[in-house]
Protein backbone atom coordinates (compact mmCIF):
# COMPACT_ATOMS: atom_id res chain seq x y z
CA UNK A 1 35.46 9.52 156.06
CA UNK A 2 36.18 5.84 156.60
CA UNK A 3 38.10 6.42 159.82
CA UNK A 4 35.38 8.73 161.15
CA UNK A 5 32.77 6.14 160.14
CA UNK A 6 31.09 8.72 157.86
CA UNK A 7 31.45 6.74 154.65
CA UNK A 8 28.06 6.04 153.07
CA UNK A 9 27.18 2.35 153.09
CA UNK A 10 26.29 2.33 149.36
CA UNK A 11 27.89 4.30 146.53
CA UNK A 12 26.15 4.42 143.15
CA UNK A 13 28.78 4.98 140.45
CA UNK A 14 26.80 6.13 137.43
CA UNK A 15 27.73 7.26 133.94
CA UNK A 16 28.26 5.88 130.41
CA UNK A 17 29.76 2.44 130.05
CA UNK A 18 33.52 2.18 129.65
CA UNK A 19 34.68 5.37 131.41
CA UNK A 20 36.29 3.89 134.51
CA UNK A 21 33.49 3.19 137.01
CA UNK A 22 34.45 -0.46 137.55
CA UNK A 23 38.13 0.47 137.66
CA UNK A 24 37.47 2.96 140.45
CA UNK A 25 35.34 0.39 142.30
CA UNK A 26 38.21 -2.11 142.29
CA UNK A 27 40.77 0.56 143.21
CA UNK A 28 38.59 1.69 146.11
CA UNK A 29 38.14 -1.92 147.24
CA UNK A 30 41.90 -2.43 147.30
CA UNK A 31 42.43 0.75 149.31
CA UNK A 32 39.72 -0.14 151.82
CA UNK A 33 41.03 -3.65 152.40
CA UNK A 34 44.64 -2.44 152.53
CA UNK A 35 43.62 0.00 155.30
CA UNK A 36 45.26 2.92 153.48
CA UNK A 37 44.68 6.29 155.13
CA UNK A 38 44.81 8.02 151.74
CA UNK A 39 43.67 6.89 148.30
CA UNK A 40 46.50 5.25 146.35
CA UNK A 41 46.82 3.68 142.91
CA UNK A 42 46.78 -0.09 143.61
CA UNK A 43 49.97 -2.09 143.45
CA UNK A 44 48.89 -4.71 140.91
CA UNK A 45 51.82 -6.91 141.92
CA UNK A 46 50.56 -7.11 145.51
CA UNK A 47 48.95 -10.28 146.85
CA UNK A 48 45.94 -8.18 147.93
CA UNK A 49 45.29 -7.08 144.33
CA UNK A 50 45.64 -10.66 143.10
CA UNK A 51 43.12 -11.91 145.67
CA UNK A 52 40.64 -9.14 144.77
CA UNK A 53 41.04 -9.49 140.99
CA UNK A 54 40.50 -13.27 141.18
CA UNK A 55 37.62 -12.98 143.65
CA UNK A 56 39.54 -14.90 146.32
CA UNK A 57 39.58 -12.33 149.12
CA UNK A 58 37.20 -13.42 151.92
CA UNK A 59 36.04 -9.82 152.54
CA UNK A 60 35.34 -9.01 148.89
CA UNK A 61 32.35 -10.08 146.79
CA UNK A 62 31.84 -9.30 143.10
CA UNK A 63 28.33 -9.78 141.67
CA UNK A 64 27.68 -9.78 137.92
CA UNK A 65 25.71 -11.77 135.37
CA UNK A 66 26.46 -15.47 135.91
CA UNK A 67 28.14 -17.56 133.23
CA UNK A 68 26.08 -20.48 131.94
CA UNK A 69 28.53 -23.34 131.37
CA UNK A 70 25.93 -25.36 129.45
CA UNK A 71 25.11 -22.65 126.90
CA UNK A 72 28.59 -21.10 127.11
CA UNK A 73 27.13 -17.66 127.55
CA UNK A 74 26.42 -15.06 130.21
CA UNK A 75 22.94 -14.77 131.68
CA UNK A 76 20.88 -11.82 130.46
CA UNK A 77 20.23 -10.67 134.03
CA UNK A 78 21.58 -10.66 137.56
CA UNK A 79 19.09 -12.94 139.33
CA UNK A 80 17.76 -13.06 142.88
CA UNK A 81 19.96 -16.13 143.49
CA UNK A 82 23.01 -13.96 142.73
CA UNK A 83 21.92 -11.30 145.23
CA UNK A 84 21.30 -13.95 147.89
CA UNK A 85 25.03 -14.64 147.80
CA UNK A 86 25.42 -11.28 149.54
CA UNK A 87 23.44 -12.44 152.58
CA UNK A 88 25.60 -15.56 152.87
CA UNK A 89 28.73 -13.43 152.45
CA UNK A 90 27.65 -11.04 155.22
CA UNK A 91 27.01 -13.87 157.67
CA UNK A 92 30.74 -14.55 157.76
CA UNK A 93 32.86 -12.53 160.17
CA UNK A 94 35.40 -10.24 158.53
CA UNK A 95 38.83 -11.83 158.20
CA UNK A 96 40.63 -8.67 159.33
CA UNK A 97 40.54 -6.72 162.57
CA UNK A 98 39.65 -3.56 160.63
CA UNK A 99 36.34 -5.20 159.82
CA UNK A 100 35.46 -3.79 156.38
CA UNK A 101 33.75 -5.88 153.71
CA UNK A 102 33.19 -4.80 150.10
CA UNK A 103 30.42 -5.78 147.66
CA UNK A 104 30.57 -4.70 144.00
CA UNK A 105 27.49 -5.12 141.77
CA UNK A 106 28.44 -4.75 138.11
CA UNK A 107 26.15 -3.60 136.80
CA UNK A 108 23.10 -2.81 138.91
CA UNK A 109 21.20 -2.18 135.65
CA UNK A 110 21.41 -5.92 134.91
CA UNK A 111 19.33 -6.92 137.94
CA UNK A 112 15.85 -8.22 137.22
CA UNK A 113 12.94 -7.04 139.35
CA UNK A 114 13.26 -9.80 141.96
CA UNK A 115 17.00 -9.24 142.34
CA UNK A 116 16.49 -5.48 142.75
CA UNK A 117 13.90 -6.06 145.49
CA UNK A 118 16.24 -8.46 147.29
CA UNK A 119 19.08 -5.90 147.20
CA UNK A 120 16.76 -3.14 148.41
CA UNK A 121 15.92 -5.17 151.51
CA UNK A 122 19.64 -5.52 152.30
CA UNK A 123 20.29 -1.79 151.81
CA UNK A 124 17.32 -0.83 153.99
CA UNK A 125 19.13 -2.35 156.97
CA UNK A 126 22.79 -1.97 156.00
CA UNK A 127 25.22 -4.15 157.94
CA UNK A 128 28.01 -2.27 159.75
CA UNK A 129 31.39 -1.75 158.09
CA UNK A 130 30.16 -2.98 154.72
CA UNK A 131 30.56 -0.90 151.57
CA UNK A 132 28.31 -1.54 148.57
CA UNK A 133 29.58 -0.25 145.21
CA UNK A 134 26.82 -0.26 142.59
CA UNK A 135 27.89 0.38 139.01
CA UNK A 136 25.20 1.80 136.72
CA UNK A 137 25.41 2.68 133.03
CA UNK A 138 21.69 3.52 132.75
CA UNK A 139 20.48 4.77 136.17
CA UNK A 140 16.96 5.24 134.79
CA UNK A 141 16.53 1.46 134.85
CA UNK A 142 16.95 1.34 138.64
CA UNK A 143 14.14 1.57 141.18
CA UNK A 144 13.97 5.13 142.57
CA UNK A 145 13.85 3.64 146.07
CA UNK A 146 17.10 1.80 145.36
CA UNK A 147 18.78 4.97 144.11
CA UNK A 148 17.60 6.85 147.20
CA UNK A 149 19.46 4.36 149.42
CA UNK A 150 22.76 5.22 147.76
CA UNK A 151 25.09 8.18 147.49
CA UNK A 152 25.41 8.90 143.77
CA UNK A 153 28.73 9.70 142.13
CA UNK A 154 28.35 10.88 138.53
CA UNK A 155 31.04 10.08 135.96
CA UNK A 156 31.34 12.25 132.86
CA UNK A 157 32.09 11.01 129.36
CA UNK A 158 35.74 11.03 128.34
CA UNK A 159 37.06 13.82 126.13
CA UNK A 160 38.37 12.98 122.62
CA UNK A 161 41.94 13.60 123.78
CA UNK A 162 41.42 11.15 126.67
CA UNK A 163 39.98 8.53 124.29
CA UNK A 164 43.00 9.00 122.02
CA UNK A 165 45.45 8.67 124.91
CA UNK A 166 43.68 5.57 126.22
CA UNK A 167 43.65 3.88 122.81
CA UNK A 168 47.31 4.70 122.21
CA UNK A 169 48.28 3.18 125.55
CA UNK A 170 46.12 0.06 125.17
CA UNK A 171 46.97 -0.57 121.51
CA UNK A 172 50.65 -0.69 122.42
CA UNK A 173 49.98 -3.01 125.35
CA UNK A 174 47.51 -5.38 123.64
CA UNK A 175 48.82 -4.93 120.09
CA UNK A 176 45.73 -3.89 118.13
CA UNK A 177 45.76 -1.50 115.18
CA UNK A 178 43.21 1.26 114.59
CA UNK A 179 45.22 3.42 112.19
CA UNK A 180 42.86 2.69 109.26
CA UNK A 181 39.75 3.79 111.18
CA UNK A 182 38.43 7.36 111.01
CA UNK A 183 39.12 8.99 114.37
CA UNK A 184 36.13 11.31 113.88
CA UNK A 185 33.83 8.28 113.45
CA UNK A 186 35.43 6.63 116.45
CA UNK A 187 34.73 9.68 118.63
CA UNK A 188 31.20 10.05 117.23
CA UNK A 189 30.11 6.47 117.92
CA UNK A 190 32.13 5.85 121.10
CA UNK A 191 30.13 8.57 122.92
CA UNK A 192 32.98 9.33 125.30
CA UNK A 193 33.55 5.69 126.28
CA UNK A 194 36.95 4.04 125.93
CA UNK A 195 35.45 0.55 126.22
CA UNK A 196 32.96 1.37 123.46
CA UNK A 197 35.78 2.74 121.28
CA UNK A 198 37.69 -0.53 121.68
CA UNK A 199 34.54 -2.52 120.86
CA UNK A 200 33.96 -0.40 117.75
CA UNK A 201 37.45 -1.25 116.55
CA UNK A 202 37.03 -4.98 117.17
CA UNK A 203 33.43 -5.50 115.99
CA UNK A 204 31.19 -2.42 116.28
CA UNK A 205 31.93 -0.76 112.95
CA UNK A 206 31.42 -4.08 111.17
CA UNK A 207 27.96 -4.40 112.77
CA UNK A 208 27.09 -0.80 111.82
CA UNK A 209 28.16 -1.34 108.20
CA UNK A 210 26.06 -4.50 107.94
CA UNK A 211 22.93 -2.83 109.39
CA UNK A 212 23.32 0.15 107.03
CA UNK A 213 23.80 -2.20 104.06
CA UNK A 214 20.56 -4.02 104.93
CA UNK A 215 18.61 -0.75 105.09
CA UNK A 216 20.16 0.46 101.80
CA UNK A 217 19.52 -2.77 99.89
CA UNK A 218 16.83 -2.65 97.15
CA UNK A 219 15.44 -5.93 98.52
CA UNK A 220 15.39 -7.43 102.01
CA UNK A 221 18.78 -9.16 101.89
CA UNK A 222 18.57 -12.46 103.78
CA UNK A 223 22.27 -13.12 103.18
CA UNK A 224 23.15 -9.87 104.99
CA UNK A 225 20.72 -10.75 107.80
CA UNK A 226 22.48 -14.07 108.35
CA UNK A 227 25.81 -12.28 108.22
CA UNK A 228 24.57 -9.87 110.90
CA UNK A 229 23.38 -12.77 113.08
CA UNK A 230 26.80 -14.37 112.71
CA UNK A 231 28.46 -11.15 113.91
CA UNK A 232 26.22 -11.03 116.98
CA UNK A 233 26.71 -14.66 117.99
CA UNK A 234 30.10 -14.52 119.68
CA UNK A 235 31.13 -15.24 123.28
CA UNK A 236 30.25 -11.61 124.10
CA UNK A 237 26.80 -11.92 122.51
CA UNK A 238 25.08 -9.80 125.20
CA UNK A 239 27.48 -6.89 124.58
CA UNK A 240 27.12 -7.21 120.80
CA UNK A 241 23.33 -7.53 120.96
CA UNK A 242 23.01 -4.47 123.22
CA UNK A 243 25.31 -2.49 120.90
CA UNK A 244 23.19 -3.54 117.91
CA UNK A 245 19.98 -2.36 119.64
CA UNK A 246 21.63 0.87 120.82
CA UNK A 247 22.72 1.63 117.27
CA UNK A 248 19.16 1.13 116.00
CA UNK A 249 17.89 3.53 118.68
CA UNK A 250 20.50 6.11 117.62
CA UNK A 251 19.70 5.54 113.94
CA UNK A 252 15.98 6.27 114.39
CA UNK A 253 16.58 9.12 116.82
CA UNK A 254 18.86 10.79 114.27
CA UNK A 255 16.33 10.14 111.47
CA UNK A 256 13.56 11.80 113.51
CA UNK A 257 15.87 14.68 114.46
CA UNK A 258 16.81 15.25 110.80
CA UNK A 259 13.14 15.13 109.78
CA UNK A 260 12.22 17.82 112.32
CA UNK A 261 14.97 20.18 111.21
CA UNK A 262 14.18 19.66 107.54
CA UNK A 263 10.56 20.61 108.20
CA UNK A 264 9.16 17.10 107.62
CA UNK A 265 7.10 17.05 110.81
CA UNK A 266 4.72 14.36 109.57
CA UNK A 267 7.66 12.06 108.86
CA UNK A 268 9.12 12.83 112.29
CA UNK A 269 5.81 11.87 113.94
CA UNK A 270 5.70 8.59 112.02
CA UNK A 271 9.27 7.78 113.06
CA UNK A 272 8.55 8.62 116.67
CA UNK A 273 5.34 6.57 116.99
CA UNK A 274 6.88 3.64 115.10
CA UNK A 275 9.89 3.60 117.37
CA UNK A 276 7.67 3.48 120.48
CA UNK A 277 6.20 0.29 119.03
CA UNK A 278 9.67 -1.14 118.33
CA UNK A 279 10.87 -0.32 121.84
CA UNK A 280 8.03 -2.48 123.19
CA UNK A 281 9.26 -5.34 120.99
CA UNK A 282 12.81 -4.90 122.31
CA UNK A 283 11.57 -4.76 125.89
CA UNK A 284 9.58 -7.99 125.41
CA UNK A 285 12.63 -9.69 123.92
CA UNK A 286 14.69 -8.81 126.99
CA UNK A 287 11.99 -9.57 129.58
CA UNK A 288 10.93 -12.93 128.14
CA UNK A 289 14.41 -13.89 126.90
CA UNK A 290 13.18 -14.54 123.36
CA UNK A 291 15.35 -16.27 120.79
CA UNK A 292 17.76 -13.53 119.67
CA UNK A 293 18.37 -14.86 116.16
CA UNK A 294 14.67 -15.05 115.35
CA UNK A 295 14.13 -11.63 116.94
CA UNK A 296 16.85 -10.05 114.76
CA UNK A 297 15.22 -11.42 111.58
CA UNK A 298 11.72 -10.23 112.55
CA UNK A 299 12.91 -6.84 113.84
CA UNK A 300 15.13 -6.03 110.85
CA UNK A 301 12.38 -6.99 108.38
CA UNK A 302 9.93 -4.77 110.27
CA UNK A 303 12.37 -1.85 110.21
CA UNK A 304 13.25 -2.42 106.55
CA UNK A 305 9.59 -2.43 105.43
CA UNK A 306 8.87 0.72 107.44
CA UNK A 307 11.85 2.61 106.01
CA UNK A 308 10.97 1.60 102.43
CA UNK A 309 7.43 2.94 102.88
CA UNK A 310 8.78 6.13 104.41
CA UNK A 311 10.93 6.99 101.39
């Protein structure tokens, strides 16, 4: 397809987080810039792979949430300034006679509205011999017009056996132990994602246990709230905070589901309407970049009071 110039200018790699979308994007980038006629597993010892992995190749651009040196944290969004780097990148002539340039956006879901509009303008008039690889974990967040400009490639969740094989391989390489963790729980909460399974082992299960302990406590336990905030405030705070919110969504979805199947339709309606209200709070927190620590305290107290009244 590349040689016949039939390769789509933008590929949307969509599916759950942690199942290999970014890996494929980097592998494809290596193959394109190496001018391989068939798809090969990259030689990670090659200078080409080193240049790509370190973002040093002049025909390769990787866009993600910027790191704030002052706050020592990643930005919550990919901003329009980040997308403008693409225009500057495309103004440079390709360094190779083959002419291909690669842009990875990881993830497209992280773009704010202004950044998404800026990217859409670029994709509406795609430059020749440029391949855009957009990674998306939640395609529903993207503008439909943006999705329509791309060729979608859907990734399926990993099977339990694949999760097990991946963990076995990585645990040996990076020396982490998960032998004391229930494999059934790992499969249940990882949702077919190897990256999520690894996060569960390192921090996820601890966050889940703390949230459950807060909900089960006879009083609103401030000490547990502060413990939860401490768990969320690490260098990967965005990942931890998103996991925390995702778990709350799953918790209430399961509660509503259980209420329906037990015949408690009134309780299910209360859970559903309450969660719509909470989702607005979460959305406002993300849009206006509210203080996360204060938001956790207010949100958890709101959820705790609601659940106590529901019992």
